[in-house]
């Protein structure tokens, strides 16, 4: 962490835990009798709670989206490039809420939590979740915080799917929806990638059918392989060529099966780091939620009819080299919104960074993002203008 916190940082933040005793019935039909949600907030809520923005995280994200937890942190939250004073999501104007989804492994109730009915860790018995379950739990958190309507709901990738679900599930509670690097449903190829990742975990001898905690171990090899595969799909060919090329770690071939190329070393590093911080059962759950997402299925597979339920305005953003969630997938959303007679702004950003581009401070991307969020801020009721522009 820098010696001095930057002026455009939200600074030091403290996560908060909200407990819910009200049972939550899931799409699967199973019921969570009680649960916790871990979350962080940045900025101040105005007097009539009209300046709130919800941040929905992607597959491996969590509640720590901006700022620092301590002066010893080596880096800020995962979307610090976009959240803070004067940034795209300006905390001088907005009250920002970021949470760790149910099923997560960063404080919210998930597979590593204690099942109140058995007194033991849930493990693989934690119920499979759908995006609509996350949205229902997020709506309950909004109720606790006194937020009846979000000024905007914002998310990238799997987070963007949650934004879409918010706009059709609680249309009266969203004024603006920002959908970044996402899709109306996964392609067969994406489902296949997720299954290969899950099989890498499930076939690890240390997985023990998801009961690895009873054996005081983790399926480290499987998690590493899953993350390495995932990381390959997040980067573009151009990004990998520019970053690594065919560079060798030691400058010459060793004629062995050990990692020799820089790109191999990088993937091993990413896999190793991920395997020490992320729960395997959570990874299985999150990828299944991705697979299941298909809101138009409830409307005879008609995305136009599905999105006709929404009442908000939209910003949709894609990136040219994102082949995991290609621009064509974002354009499916945009075209459906146009045919549903909704207000939608669309930007396809030139970038060599693949799917990971949505996390990066690409100037044109941030300029467009910021301009749209300024429009969102301008839509906050005038009687609160002094409070949210102070």
Protein backbone atom coordinates (compact mmCIF):
# COMPACT_ATOMS: atom_id res chain seq x y z
CA UNK A 1 0.00 0.00 0.00
CA UNK A 2 1.27 3.55 -0.65
CA UNK A 3 2.57 5.52 2.35
CA UNK A 4 -0.24 8.00 1.82
CA UNK A 5 -3.76 6.95 0.82
CA UNK A 6 -4.54 8.49 -2.61
CA UNK A 7 -7.06 11.34 -2.70
CA UNK A 8 -9.30 9.36 -5.01
CA UNK A 9 -9.47 6.34 -2.68
CA UNK A 10 -12.36 5.58 -0.32
CA UNK A 11 -9.61 4.99 2.26
CA UNK A 12 -9.79 2.50 5.09
CA UNK A 13 -13.01 0.47 5.14
CA UNK A 14 -14.47 -2.06 7.56
CA UNK A 15 -16.62 -4.97 6.31
CA UNK A 16 -20.03 -5.38 7.95
CA UNK A 17 -22.01 -8.56 8.58
CA UNK A 18 -25.80 -8.69 8.33
CA UNK A 19 -27.64 -11.70 9.74
CA UNK A 20 -31.03 -12.79 8.39
CA UNK A 21 -33.34 -15.06 10.35
CA UNK A 22 -36.04 -15.01 7.67
CA UNK A 23 -35.79 -18.26 5.64
CA UNK A 24 -34.87 -17.88 1.97
CA UNK A 25 -36.55 -20.25 -0.49
CA UNK A 26 -34.22 -20.93 -3.39
CA UNK A 27 -34.96 -21.58 -7.05
CA UNK A 28 -34.08 -25.24 -6.45
CA UNK A 29 -36.87 -25.50 -3.88
CA UNK A 30 -34.45 -25.86 -0.99
CA UNK A 31 -34.59 -23.41 1.89
CA UNK A 32 -31.84 -21.59 3.77
CA UNK A 33 -33.29 -21.24 7.29
CA UNK A 34 -30.93 -18.36 8.11
CA UNK A 35 -27.87 -16.76 6.55
CA UNK A 36 -25.32 -13.95 6.74
CA UNK A 37 -24.23 -11.45 4.11
CA UNK A 38 -20.85 -9.72 4.33
CA UNK A 39 -20.77 -6.27 2.75
CA UNK A 40 -18.98 -2.93 2.58
CA UNK A 41 -20.28 0.57 1.96
CA UNK A 42 -18.55 3.65 0.57
CA UNK A 43 -19.85 7.23 0.60
CA UNK A 44 -22.94 8.53 2.42
CA UNK A 45 -26.61 7.70 1.96
CA UNK A 46 -28.68 10.84 1.41
CA UNK A 47 -31.82 11.77 3.35
CA UNK A 48 -34.33 9.93 1.16
CA UNK A 49 -32.04 7.02 0.26
CA UNK A 50 -32.05 7.87 -3.47
CA UNK A 51 -28.30 7.87 -4.22
CA UNK A 52 -27.49 4.20 -3.57
CA UNK A 53 -25.53 2.07 -6.05
CA UNK A 54 -25.24 -1.72 -5.79
CA UNK A 55 -22.07 -3.46 -7.02
CA UNK A 56 -22.56 -7.09 -8.12
CA UNK A 57 -19.38 -9.15 -8.23
CA UNK A 58 -18.19 -11.72 -10.77
CA UNK A 59 -17.33 -15.38 -10.22
CA UNK A 60 -14.36 -15.03 -7.86
CA UNK A 61 -15.18 -11.57 -6.48
CA UNK A 62 -16.28 -10.53 -3.01
CA UNK A 63 -17.47 -7.57 -0.97
CA UNK A 64 -14.09 -5.79 -0.92
CA UNK A 65 -14.52 -3.70 -4.05
CA UNK A 66 -12.62 -0.53 -3.08
CA UNK A 67 -10.30 0.98 -0.52
CA UNK A 68 -8.10 -0.78 2.02
CA UNK A 69 -8.77 -2.88 5.10
CA UNK A 70 -5.54 -1.80 6.79
CA UNK A 71 -2.42 0.24 6.19
CA UNK A 72 -0.62 -3.05 5.58
CA UNK A 73 -2.73 -4.02 2.55
CA UNK A 74 -0.61 -4.55 -0.54
CA UNK A 75 -3.40 -3.57 -2.91
CA UNK A 76 -6.92 -2.09 -2.76
CA UNK A 77 -10.30 -3.71 -3.47
CA UNK A 78 -10.91 -5.48 -6.78
CA UNK A 79 -12.67 -2.53 -8.51
CA UNK A 80 -10.81 0.36 -6.92
CA UNK A 81 -10.14 1.69 -10.42
CA UNK A 82 -13.84 2.54 -10.77
CA UNK A 83 -15.03 3.34 -7.22
CA UNK A 84 -13.94 6.36 -5.21
CA UNK A 85 -14.03 10.17 -5.01
CA UNK A 86 -14.09 11.59 -8.53
CA UNK A 87 -13.99 8.15 -10.19
CA UNK A 88 -16.65 6.64 -12.44
CA UNK A 89 -18.71 5.59 -9.42
CA UNK A 90 -18.11 8.78 -7.47
CA UNK A 91 -18.41 8.24 -3.72
CA UNK A 92 -18.80 11.99 -3.24
CA UNK A 93 -22.17 11.57 -4.94
CA UNK A 94 -23.18 7.96 -4.40
CA UNK A 95 -23.64 5.58 -1.48
CA UNK A 96 -22.07 2.37 -2.76
CA UNK A 97 -22.91 -1.11 -1.47
CA UNK A 98 -20.74 -4.12 -2.37
CA UNK A 99 -21.45 -7.57 -0.94
CA UNK A 100 -20.17 -11.12 -1.00
CA UNK A 101 -22.87 -13.30 -2.56
CA UNK A 102 -24.50 -16.22 -0.80
CA UNK A 103 -22.41 -19.32 -1.36
CA UNK A 104 -19.25 -17.22 -1.26
CA UNK A 105 -16.19 -17.84 0.87
CA UNK A 106 -15.49 -14.31 2.09
CA UNK A 107 -17.84 -14.06 5.04
CA UNK A 108 -21.30 -14.64 3.59
CA UNK A 109 -23.00 -17.95 4.31
CA UNK A 110 -21.66 -20.67 2.04
CA UNK A 111 -20.16 -24.15 1.96
CA UNK A 112 -17.55 -23.26 4.62
CA UNK A 113 -20.28 -22.07 7.05
CA UNK A 114 -21.90 -24.09 9.81
CA UNK A 115 -25.23 -25.67 8.92
CA UNK A 116 -27.50 -24.67 11.84
CA UNK A 117 -29.54 -27.86 11.42
CA UNK A 118 -26.57 -30.24 11.76
CA UNK A 119 -24.06 -28.13 13.65
CA UNK A 120 -21.40 -29.12 11.08
CA UNK A 121 -19.87 -27.41 8.06
CA UNK A 122 -22.21 -27.39 5.06
CA UNK A 123 -19.53 -28.56 2.63
CA UNK A 124 -21.06 -30.07 -0.52
CA UNK A 125 -24.50 -30.09 1.12
CA UNK A 126 -24.81 -26.34 0.69
CA UNK A 127 -27.65 -25.84 -1.84
CA UNK A 128 -26.93 -24.95 -5.45
CA UNK A 129 -27.87 -21.34 -6.12
CA UNK A 130 -29.27 -19.38 -9.04
CA UNK A 131 -28.70 -15.73 -9.89
CA UNK A 132 -32.28 -14.94 -8.81
CA UNK A 133 -31.45 -16.26 -5.32
CA UNK A 134 -28.61 -13.76 -5.03
CA UNK A 135 -30.88 -10.96 -6.18
CA UNK A 136 -33.53 -11.91 -3.61
CA UNK A 137 -30.93 -11.85 -0.84
CA UNK A 138 -29.55 -8.52 -2.11
CA UNK A 139 -33.07 -7.06 -2.05
CA UNK A 140 -33.39 -8.07 1.61
CA UNK A 141 -30.10 -6.35 2.38
CA UNK A 142 -31.41 -3.23 0.62
CA UNK A 143 -34.48 -3.38 2.86
CA UNK A 144 -32.28 -3.48 5.96
CA UNK A 145 -30.32 -0.48 4.69
CA UNK A 146 -33.54 1.43 3.98
CA UNK A 147 -32.99 1.49 0.21
CA UNK A 148 -36.25 1.09 -1.69
CA UNK A 149 -34.78 1.90 -5.10
CA UNK A 150 -31.21 1.76 -6.38
CA UNK A 151 -29.96 4.75 -8.36
CA UNK A 152 -28.01 2.10 -10.28
CA UNK A 153 -27.14 -1.57 -10.13
CA UNK A 154 -23.73 -2.23 -11.67
CA UNK A 155 -21.78 -5.38 -12.52
CA UNK A 156 -19.42 -7.08 -14.94
CA UNK A 157 -19.45 -10.66 -16.24
CA UNK A 158 -21.49 -12.75 -13.76
CA UNK A 159 -22.15 -9.44 -12.03
CA UNK A 160 -23.78 -8.16 -15.21
CA UNK A 161 -26.12 -11.15 -15.17
CA UNK A 162 -27.21 -10.14 -11.68
CA UNK A 163 -27.88 -6.63 -12.98
CA UNK A 164 -30.14 -8.02 -15.72
CA UNK A 165 -31.96 -10.17 -13.19
CA UNK A 166 -32.47 -7.16 -10.91
CA UNK A 167 -34.02 -5.17 -13.77
CA UNK A 168 -36.64 -7.84 -14.51
CA UNK A 169 -37.15 -9.26 -11.02
CA UNK A 170 -37.52 -5.94 -9.16
CA UNK A 171 -38.17 -3.45 -11.99
CA UNK A 172 -39.57 -0.80 -9.65
CA UNK A 173 -36.40 -0.86 -7.52
CA UNK A 174 -33.83 0.00 -10.24
CA UNK A 175 -33.46 3.37 -12.02
CA UNK A 176 -30.34 2.50 -14.04
CA UNK A 177 -28.70 -0.82 -14.94
CA UNK A 178 -25.03 -1.02 -15.99
CA UNK A 179 -24.22 -4.35 -17.67
CA UNK A 180 -20.52 -4.81 -18.51
CA UNK A 181 -18.87 -7.67 -20.43
CA UNK A 182 -21.82 -9.96 -19.90
CA UNK A 183 -24.41 -12.05 -21.78
CA UNK A 184 -28.12 -12.97 -21.64
CA UNK A 185 -27.06 -16.61 -21.06
CA UNK A 186 -23.96 -18.75 -21.43
CA UNK A 187 -23.01 -20.30 -24.74
CA UNK A 188 -22.44 -24.06 -24.99
CA UNK A 189 -18.71 -23.34 -25.16
CA UNK A 190 -18.78 -21.41 -21.88
CA UNK A 191 -20.78 -24.15 -20.17
CA UNK A 192 -18.18 -26.62 -21.43
CA UNK A 193 -15.32 -24.56 -19.96
CA UNK A 194 -17.09 -24.51 -16.60
CA UNK A 195 -17.62 -28.27 -16.65
CA UNK A 196 -13.95 -28.94 -17.41
CA UNK A 197 -13.00 -26.70 -14.47
CA UNK A 198 -15.43 -28.49 -12.15
CA UNK A 199 -14.13 -31.88 -13.26
CA UNK A 200 -10.57 -30.79 -12.55
CA UNK A 201 -11.65 -30.09 -8.97
CA UNK A 202 -13.90 -33.13 -8.57
CA UNK A 203 -11.23 -35.56 -9.83
CA UNK A 204 -8.60 -34.26 -7.42
CA UNK A 205 -7.98 -37.07 -4.86
CA UNK A 206 -8.09 -34.45 -2.10
CA UNK A 207 -11.62 -33.35 -3.03
CA UNK A 208 -13.27 -36.26 -1.18
CA UNK A 209 -16.65 -35.58 -2.82
CA UNK A 210 -16.59 -32.08 -1.34
CA UNK A 211 -15.86 -33.19 2.24
CA UNK A 212 -12.18 -32.21 2.11
CA UNK A 213 -12.45 -30.18 5.33
CA UNK A 214 -13.02 -33.44 7.23
CA UNK A 215 -9.64 -34.63 5.95
CA UNK A 216 -7.93 -31.32 6.80
CA UNK A 217 -6.96 -30.78 3.18
CA UNK A 218 -8.01 -28.92 0.03
CA UNK A 219 -8.13 -30.04 -3.63
CA UNK A 220 -5.26 -27.72 -4.43
CA UNK A 221 -4.25 -29.32 -7.72
CA UNK A 222 -7.83 -29.26 -9.00
CA UNK A 223 -8.33 -25.64 -7.99
CA UNK A 224 -5.08 -24.66 -9.67
CA UNK A 225 -6.11 -26.36 -12.91
CA UNK A 226 -9.57 -24.77 -12.79
CA UNK A 227 -8.09 -21.32 -12.27
CA UNK A 228 -5.45 -21.79 -14.96
CA UNK A 229 -8.14 -22.79 -17.46
CA UNK A 230 -10.35 -19.89 -16.41
CA UNK A 231 -7.49 -17.42 -16.66
CA UNK A 232 -6.77 -18.52 -20.21
CA UNK A 233 -10.33 -17.63 -21.18
CA UNK A 234 -10.14 -14.21 -19.51
CA UNK A 235 -7.13 -13.10 -21.56
CA UNK A 236 -6.95 -12.44 -25.29
CA UNK A 237 -4.31 -13.84 -27.64
CA UNK A 238 -3.00 -10.30 -28.15
CA UNK A 239 -2.71 -9.70 -24.41
CA UNK A 240 -0.81 -12.95 -23.88
CA UNK A 241 1.49 -12.26 -26.80
CA UNK A 242 2.27 -8.74 -25.58
CA UNK A 243 2.75 -9.82 -21.97
CA UNK A 244 4.66 -13.06 -22.46
CA UNK A 245 5.32 -13.89 -26.09
CA UNK A 246 7.48 -17.01 -26.13
CA UNK A 247 9.86 -15.70 -23.48
CA UNK A 248 11.70 -18.34 -21.47
CA UNK A 249 12.16 -18.07 -17.70
CA UNK A 250 15.87 -18.91 -17.87
CA UNK A 251 16.62 -17.81 -21.40
CA UNK A 252 17.10 -21.31 -22.76
CA UNK A 253 15.24 -24.60 -23.07
CA UNK A 254 15.69 -27.15 -20.30
CA UNK A 255 14.17 -30.09 -22.22
CA UNK A 256 11.94 -31.07 -19.29
CA UNK A 257 8.24 -30.93 -18.42
CA UNK A 258 8.78 -28.26 -15.78
CA UNK A 259 7.40 -24.77 -16.60
CA UNK A 260 9.88 -23.16 -18.99
CA UNK A 261 7.96 -20.36 -20.68
CA UNK A 262 6.98 -17.18 -18.85
CA UNK A 263 3.32 -17.79 -19.66
CA UNK A 264 3.50 -21.21 -17.97
CA UNK A 265 5.07 -19.68 -14.88
CA UNK A 266 2.38 -16.99 -14.80
CA UNK A 267 -0.45 -19.53 -14.96
CA UNK A 268 1.11 -21.61 -12.19
CA UNK A 269 1.44 -18.49 -10.06
CA UNK A 270 -2.20 -17.51 -10.61
CA UNK A 271 -3.36 -21.04 -9.85
CA UNK A 272 -1.28 -21.28 -6.70
CA UNK A 273 -2.52 -17.94 -5.40
CA UNK A 274 -6.15 -18.78 -6.13
CA UNK A 275 -5.95 -22.21 -4.49
CA UNK A 276 -4.95 -20.64 -1.17
CA UNK A 277 -7.80 -18.12 -1.01
CA UNK A 278 -10.86 -19.63 -2.71
CA UNK A 279 -13.04 -22.51 -1.58
CA UNK A 280 -13.49 -25.38 -4.04
CA UNK A 281 -17.18 -25.98 -3.24
CA UNK A 282 -17.82 -22.27 -3.74
CA UNK A 283 -16.16 -22.42 -7.15
CA UNK A 284 -18.41 -25.33 -8.11
CA UNK A 285 -21.49 -23.39 -6.97
CA UNK A 286 -20.58 -20.14 -8.72
CA UNK A 287 -19.94 -21.81 -12.06
CA UNK A 288 -23.25 -23.68 -11.84
CA UNK A 289 -25.08 -20.38 -11.24
CA UNK A 290 -23.42 -19.09 -14.41
CA UNK A 291 -24.59 -22.14 -16.35
CA UNK A 292 -28.19 -21.89 -15.13
CA UNK A 293 -28.67 -18.19 -15.89
CA UNK A 294 -31.25 -17.80 -18.65
CA UNK A 295 -34.00 -15.33 -17.67
CA UNK A 296 -35.68 -15.50 -21.09
CA UNK A 297 -36.47 -19.18 -20.45
CA UNK A 298 -39.38 -18.02 -18.26
CA UNK A 299 -40.76 -16.08 -21.25
CA UNK A 300 -40.77 -18.76 -23.97
CA UNK A 301 -37.12 -17.92 -24.68
CA UNK A 302 -38.13 -14.46 -25.86
CA UNK A 303 -35.54 -11.99 -24.52
CA UNK A 304 -37.54 -9.00 -25.77
CA UNK A 305 -40.60 -10.04 -23.74
CA UNK A 306 -38.36 -10.80 -20.77
CA UNK A 307 -36.71 -7.36 -20.78
CA UNK A 308 -40.02 -5.62 -21.45
CA UNK A 309 -40.68 -5.98 -17.72
CA UNK A 310 -37.89 -3.55 -16.87
CA UNK A 311 -38.50 0.12 -16.10
CA UNK A 312 -34.91 1.38 -15.95
CA UNK A 313 -32.40 2.87 -18.38
CA UNK A 314 -29.37 0.79 -19.38
CA UNK A 315 -25.70 1.14 -20.17
CA UNK A 316 -24.23 -1.94 -21.86
CA UNK A 317 -20.46 -2.20 -22.42
CA UNK A 318 -18.42 -4.83 -24.28
CA UNK A 319 -14.75 -5.21 -25.29
CA UNK A 320 -13.44 -6.09 -28.73
CA UNK A 321 -11.13 -8.97 -27.72
CA UNK A 322 -13.37 -10.48 -25.06
CA UNK A 323 -14.10 -13.91 -26.55
CA UNK A 324 -15.52 -15.35 -23.32
CA UNK A 325 -18.36 -12.77 -23.38
CA UNK A 326 -18.02 -11.38 -26.86
CA UNK A 327 -19.50 -8.08 -28.10
CA UNK A 328 -22.10 -10.10 -30.03
CA UNK A 329 -23.52 -11.32 -26.71
CA UNK A 330 -23.84 -7.76 -25.41
CA UNK A 331 -25.45 -6.75 -28.68
CA UNK A 332 -28.10 -9.44 -28.15
CA UNK A 333 -29.04 -7.60 -24.96
CA UNK A 334 -28.94 -4.21 -26.67
CA UNK A 335 -31.08 -5.33 -29.62
CA UNK A 336 -33.65 -6.89 -27.29
CA UNK A 337 -33.81 -3.68 -25.24
CA UNK A 338 -34.28 -1.59 -28.39
CA UNK A 339 -37.11 -3.86 -29.55
CA UNK A 340 -38.61 -3.63 -26.05
CA UNK A 341 -38.56 0.18 -26.44
CA UNK A 342 -36.15 0.74 -23.54
CA UNK A 343 -33.58 3.50 -23.22
CA UNK A 344 -30.17 1.92 -23.75
CA UNK A 345 -26.68 3.26 -24.36
CA UNK A 346 -24.08 0.90 -25.80
CA UNK A 347 -20.30 1.08 -26.11
CA UNK A 348 -17.91 -1.47 -27.58
CA UNK A 349 -14.45 -0.60 -26.27
CA UNK A 350 -11.29 -1.27 -28.26
CA UNK A 351 -9.02 -3.29 -26.00
CA UNK A 352 -6.35 -5.98 -26.22
CA UNK A 353 -7.08 -7.25 -22.70
CA UNK A 354 -9.82 -9.80 -23.33
CA UNK A 355 -12.50 -10.40 -20.70
CA UNK A 356 -10.33 -8.94 -17.93
CA UNK A 357 -10.70 -5.53 -19.60
CA UNK A 358 -13.78 -4.75 -17.51
CA UNK A 359 -11.56 -4.56 -14.41
CA UNK A 360 -8.94 -2.28 -15.96
CA UNK A 361 -8.73 1.55 -16.11
CA UNK A 362 -8.90 1.77 -19.91
CA UNK A 363 -9.32 5.51 -20.60
CA UNK A 364 -12.19 5.37 -23.13
CA UNK A 365 -14.02 2.79 -21.00
CA UNK A 366 -13.68 4.88 -17.85
CA UNK A 367 -14.69 8.07 -19.68
CA UNK A 368 -17.90 6.46 -20.95
CA UNK A 369 -18.60 4.79 -17.60
CA UNK A 370 -18.07 8.07 -15.75
CA UNK A 371 -20.22 10.07 -18.17
CA UNK A 372 -23.10 7.63 -17.73
CA UNK A 373 -22.78 7.63 -13.94
CA UNK A 374 -22.85 11.44 -14.00
CA UNK A 375 -26.18 11.08 -15.79
CA UNK A 376 -27.29 8.74 -13.03
CA UNK A 377 -26.26 11.28 -10.41
CA UNK A 378 -28.19 13.98 -12.28
CA UNK A 379 -31.33 11.84 -12.01
CA UNK A 380 -31.24 11.91 -8.21
CA UNK A 381 -34.20 14.00 -6.96
CA UNK A 382 -33.43 17.73 -6.89
CA UNK A 383 -34.29 18.17 -3.23
CA UNK A 384 -31.21 16.05 -2.46
CA UNK A 385 -28.88 17.77 -4.92
CA UNK A 386 -27.03 19.71 -2.22
CA UNK A 387 -26.38 16.54 -0.24
CA UNK A 388 -25.05 14.43 -3.10
CA UNK A 389 -22.86 17.06 -4.73
CA UNK A 390 -21.25 18.34 -1.56
